[in-house]
Amino acid sequence: MPKIVEIKDKQGKPTLHELIHRLNSMFESMVYRGEDKLNITLATISFCIAQLSDELGDKDVAQIVDQVLTQYLDKKVNK
């Protein structure tokens, strides 16, 4: 019978290159599915700042950043 190994035991810590590659793939997939790249970028920035603020325990910053970026989420890129 094969031995079952948990994924976290099989894989090492993700590298910066892997993180960037995965984020890029996610962006490309969402653009392919029809989402505007600006909206994806702003939502990602908002999420990352909120995560950082939560990690640091600063809830007020997360709310302010969400409010500021939310007003731009529906903007369209003029090309």
N, C-alpha and C. Protein backbone atom coordinates (compact mmCIF):
# COMPACT_ATOMS: atom_id res chain seq x y z
N MET A 1 0.85 -1.18 0.00
CA MET A 1 0.00 0.00 0.00
C MET A 1 0.89 1.24 0.00
N PRO A 2 0.58 2.25 -0.87
CA PRO A 2 1.42 3.45 -0.94
C PRO A 2 1.31 4.29 0.33
N LYS A 3 2.40 4.94 0.65
CA LYS A 3 2.44 5.81 1.82
C LYS A 3 1.81 7.16 1.48
N ILE A 4 0.97 7.68 2.35
CA ILE A 4 0.33 8.98 2.14
C ILE A 4 1.19 10.04 2.81
N VAL A 5 1.62 11.01 1.98
CA VAL A 5 2.46 12.11 2.48
C VAL A 5 1.68 13.41 2.31
N GLU A 6 1.58 14.20 3.37
CA GLU A 6 0.88 15.47 3.28
C GLU A 6 1.65 16.41 2.37
N ILE A 7 0.91 17.24 1.63
CA ILE A 7 1.53 18.16 0.69
C ILE A 7 2.52 19.08 1.38
N LYS A 8 2.19 19.58 2.56
CA LYS A 8 3.09 20.51 3.25
C LYS A 8 4.41 19.84 3.62
N ASP A 9 4.41 18.51 3.78
CA ASP A 9 5.64 17.79 4.07
C ASP A 9 6.45 17.54 2.80
N LYS A 10 5.76 17.47 1.67
CA LYS A 10 6.42 17.17 0.40
C LYS A 10 7.02 18.42 -0.24
N GLN A 11 6.34 19.55 -0.10
CA GLN A 11 6.80 20.79 -0.69
C GLN A 11 7.52 21.64 0.33
N GLY A 12 8.49 22.39 -0.15
CA GLY A 12 9.21 23.31 0.72
C GLY A 12 8.48 24.65 0.78
N LYS A 13 9.08 25.57 1.48
CA LYS A 13 8.55 26.93 1.59
C LYS A 13 8.52 27.57 0.21
N PRO A 14 7.43 28.26 -0.17
CA PRO A 14 7.36 28.87 -1.50
C PRO A 14 8.40 29.98 -1.65
N THR A 15 8.96 30.05 -2.84
CA THR A 15 9.95 31.09 -3.13
C THR A 15 9.24 32.34 -3.64
N LEU A 16 9.95 33.45 -3.67
CA LEU A 16 9.40 34.69 -4.21
C LEU A 16 9.04 34.50 -5.68
N HIS A 17 9.89 33.80 -6.41
CA HIS A 17 9.63 33.52 -7.82
C HIS A 17 8.32 32.74 -7.99
N GLU A 18 8.09 31.75 -7.15
CA GLU A 18 6.86 30.96 -7.23
C GLU A 18 5.64 31.82 -6.92
N LEU A 19 5.75 32.67 -5.91
CA LEU A 19 4.65 33.56 -5.54
C LEU A 19 4.29 34.49 -6.69
N ILE A 20 5.30 35.11 -7.30
CA ILE A 20 5.06 36.03 -8.41
C ILE A 20 4.48 35.28 -9.60
N HIS A 21 4.97 34.10 -9.88
CA HIS A 21 4.47 33.29 -10.99
C HIS A 21 2.98 32.95 -10.78
N ARG A 22 2.63 32.57 -9.57
CA ARG A 22 1.23 32.21 -9.28
C ARG A 22 0.32 33.44 -9.37
N LEU A 23 0.78 34.58 -8.86
CA LEU A 23 -0.01 35.80 -8.95
C LEU A 23 -0.20 36.21 -10.41
N ASN A 24 0.86 36.13 -11.19
CA ASN A 24 0.78 36.47 -12.61
C ASN A 24 -0.21 35.55 -13.33
N SER A 25 -0.16 34.27 -13.02
CA SER A 25 -1.08 33.31 -13.63
C SER A 25 -2.53 33.63 -13.25
N MET A 26 -2.74 34.01 -12.00
CA MET A 26 -4.07 34.37 -11.53
C MET A 26 -4.58 35.61 -12.28
N PHE A 27 -3.71 36.63 -12.41
CA PHE A 27 -4.10 37.84 -13.13
C PHE A 27 -4.47 37.51 -14.58
N GLU A 28 -3.60 36.75 -15.26
CA GLU A 28 -3.85 36.39 -16.66
C GLU A 28 -5.16 35.62 -16.82
N SER A 29 -5.46 34.73 -15.89
CA SER A 29 -6.69 33.95 -15.94
C SER A 29 -7.91 34.85 -15.80
N MET A 30 -7.86 35.79 -14.87
CA MET A 30 -9.00 36.68 -14.65
C MET A 30 -9.20 37.64 -15.83
N VAL A 31 -8.11 38.11 -16.42
CA VAL A 31 -8.22 38.96 -17.61
C VAL A 31 -8.81 38.14 -18.75
N TYR A 32 -8.37 36.92 -18.92
CA TYR A 32 -8.88 36.03 -19.96
C TYR A 32 -10.39 35.81 -19.80
N ARG A 33 -10.83 35.74 -18.54
CA ARG A 33 -12.25 35.50 -18.25
C ARG A 33 -13.07 36.78 -18.36
N GLY A 34 -12.42 37.92 -18.67
CA GLY A 34 -13.16 39.14 -18.96
C GLY A 34 -13.07 40.25 -17.93
N GLU A 35 -12.35 40.04 -16.85
CA GLU A 35 -12.24 41.11 -15.85
C GLU A 35 -11.20 42.13 -16.29
N ASP A 36 -11.44 43.36 -15.93
CA ASP A 36 -10.52 44.45 -16.25
C ASP A 36 -9.27 44.35 -15.37
N LYS A 37 -8.10 44.51 -15.97
CA LYS A 37 -6.85 44.35 -15.22
C LYS A 37 -6.71 45.39 -14.11
N LEU A 38 -7.21 46.61 -14.35
CA LEU A 38 -7.16 47.64 -13.30
C LEU A 38 -7.98 47.21 -12.09
N ASN A 39 -9.17 46.67 -12.32
CA ASN A 39 -10.00 46.21 -11.20
C ASN A 39 -9.31 45.10 -10.43
N ILE A 40 -8.68 44.17 -11.14
CA ILE A 40 -7.96 43.07 -10.48
C ILE A 40 -6.82 43.63 -9.63
N THR A 41 -6.08 44.56 -10.20
CA THR A 41 -4.93 45.14 -9.50
C THR A 41 -5.37 45.88 -8.24
N LEU A 42 -6.40 46.71 -8.36
CA LEU A 42 -6.86 47.48 -7.20
C LEU A 42 -7.45 46.57 -6.12
N ALA A 43 -8.19 45.56 -6.52
CA ALA A 43 -8.74 44.62 -5.54
C ALA A 43 -7.62 43.86 -4.84
N THR A 44 -6.58 43.49 -5.59
CA THR A 44 -5.45 42.78 -5.01
C THR A 44 -4.69 43.66 -4.02
N ILE A 45 -4.47 44.92 -4.40
CA ILE A 45 -3.79 45.86 -3.49
C ILE A 45 -4.61 46.02 -2.21
N SER A 46 -5.91 46.21 -2.37
CA SER A 46 -6.77 46.37 -1.21
C SER A 46 -6.70 45.15 -0.29
N PHE A 47 -6.77 43.96 -0.88
CA PHE A 47 -6.71 42.73 -0.10
C PHE A 47 -5.37 42.62 0.64
N CYS A 48 -4.28 42.91 -0.06
CA CYS A 48 -2.94 42.77 0.54
C CYS A 48 -2.73 43.76 1.68
N ILE A 49 -3.18 44.99 1.50
CA ILE A 49 -3.03 45.97 2.57
C ILE A 49 -3.89 45.58 3.76
N ALA A 50 -5.09 45.08 3.50
CA ALA A 50 -5.95 44.64 4.60
C ALA A 50 -5.32 43.47 5.35
N GLN A 51 -4.71 42.54 4.60
CA GLN A 51 -4.04 41.41 5.26
C GLN A 51 -2.88 41.88 6.12
N LEU A 52 -2.12 42.83 5.60
CA LEU A 52 -0.99 43.37 6.35
C LEU A 52 -1.47 44.09 7.61
N SER A 53 -2.51 44.86 7.47
CA SER A 53 -3.06 45.57 8.63
C SER A 53 -3.59 44.60 9.68
N ASP A 54 -4.26 43.54 9.22
CA ASP A 54 -4.74 42.52 10.17
C ASP A 54 -3.58 41.86 10.88
N GLU A 55 -2.54 41.58 10.12
CA GLU A 55 -1.36 40.93 10.70
C GLU A 55 -0.71 41.82 11.76
N LEU A 56 -0.76 43.13 11.52
CA LEU A 56 -0.16 44.08 12.45
C LEU A 56 -1.14 44.57 13.50
N GLY A 57 -2.40 44.16 13.37
CA GLY A 57 -3.40 44.53 14.37
C GLY A 57 -3.96 45.93 14.18
N ASP A 58 -3.83 46.51 13.01
CA ASP A 58 -4.32 47.86 12.79
C ASP A 58 -5.56 47.83 11.92
N LYS A 59 -6.72 47.69 12.53
CA LYS A 59 -7.98 47.53 11.80
C LYS A 59 -8.40 48.83 11.11
N ASP A 60 -8.13 49.98 11.70
CA ASP A 60 -8.55 51.26 11.12
C ASP A 60 -7.92 51.48 9.75
N VAL A 61 -6.66 51.14 9.58
CA VAL A 61 -5.98 51.31 8.30
C VAL A 61 -6.65 50.45 7.23
N ALA A 62 -6.99 49.22 7.57
CA ALA A 62 -7.63 48.33 6.60
C ALA A 62 -8.96 48.91 6.12
N GLN A 63 -9.75 49.49 7.02
CA GLN A 63 -11.04 50.06 6.64
C GLN A 63 -10.85 51.28 5.74
N ILE A 64 -9.91 52.13 6.08
CA ILE A 64 -9.67 53.34 5.28
C ILE A 64 -9.19 52.96 3.88
N VAL A 65 -8.26 52.02 3.79
CA VAL A 65 -7.75 51.60 2.48
C VAL A 65 -8.87 50.98 1.65
N ASP A 66 -9.70 50.15 2.26
CA ASP A 66 -10.83 49.56 1.54
C ASP A 66 -11.77 50.63 1.00
N GLN A 67 -12.07 51.64 1.82
CA GLN A 67 -12.97 52.70 1.39
C GLN A 67 -12.37 53.50 0.23
N VAL A 68 -11.10 53.81 0.31
CA VAL A 68 -10.45 54.59 -0.75
C VAL A 68 -10.39 53.80 -2.05
N LEU A 69 -9.98 52.54 -1.98
CA LEU A 69 -9.84 51.76 -3.21
C LEU A 69 -11.17 51.32 -3.79
N THR A 70 -12.19 51.15 -2.96
CA THR A 70 -13.49 50.72 -3.44
C THR A 70 -14.05 51.69 -4.47
N GLN A 71 -13.80 52.96 -4.30
CA GLN A 71 -14.33 53.94 -5.25
C GLN A 71 -13.72 53.79 -6.64
N TYR A 72 -12.59 53.09 -6.76
CA TYR A 72 -11.94 52.92 -8.05
C TYR A 72 -12.20 51.56 -8.68
N LEU A 73 -12.80 50.63 -7.96
CA LEU A 73 -12.96 49.27 -8.47
C LEU A 73 -13.81 49.18 -9.73
N ASP A 74 -14.75 50.09 -9.91
CA ASP A 74 -15.62 50.02 -11.08
C ASP A 74 -15.15 50.90 -12.23
N LYS A 75 -14.01 51.57 -12.07
CA LYS A 75 -13.48 52.40 -13.16
C LYS A 75 -13.00 51.50 -14.29
N LYS A 76 -13.16 51.98 -15.50
CA LYS A 76 -12.71 51.25 -16.68
C LYS A 76 -11.43 51.88 -17.19
N VAL A 77 -10.55 51.08 -17.74
CA VAL A 77 -9.32 51.59 -18.33
C VAL A 77 -9.64 52.10 -19.73
N ASN A 78 -9.32 53.35 -19.98
CA ASN A 78 -9.52 53.91 -21.31
C ASN A 78 -8.29 53.63 -22.15
N LYS A 79 -8.50 52.88 -23.21
CA LYS A 79 -7.37 52.52 -24.08
C LYS A 79 -7.52 53.13 -25.43
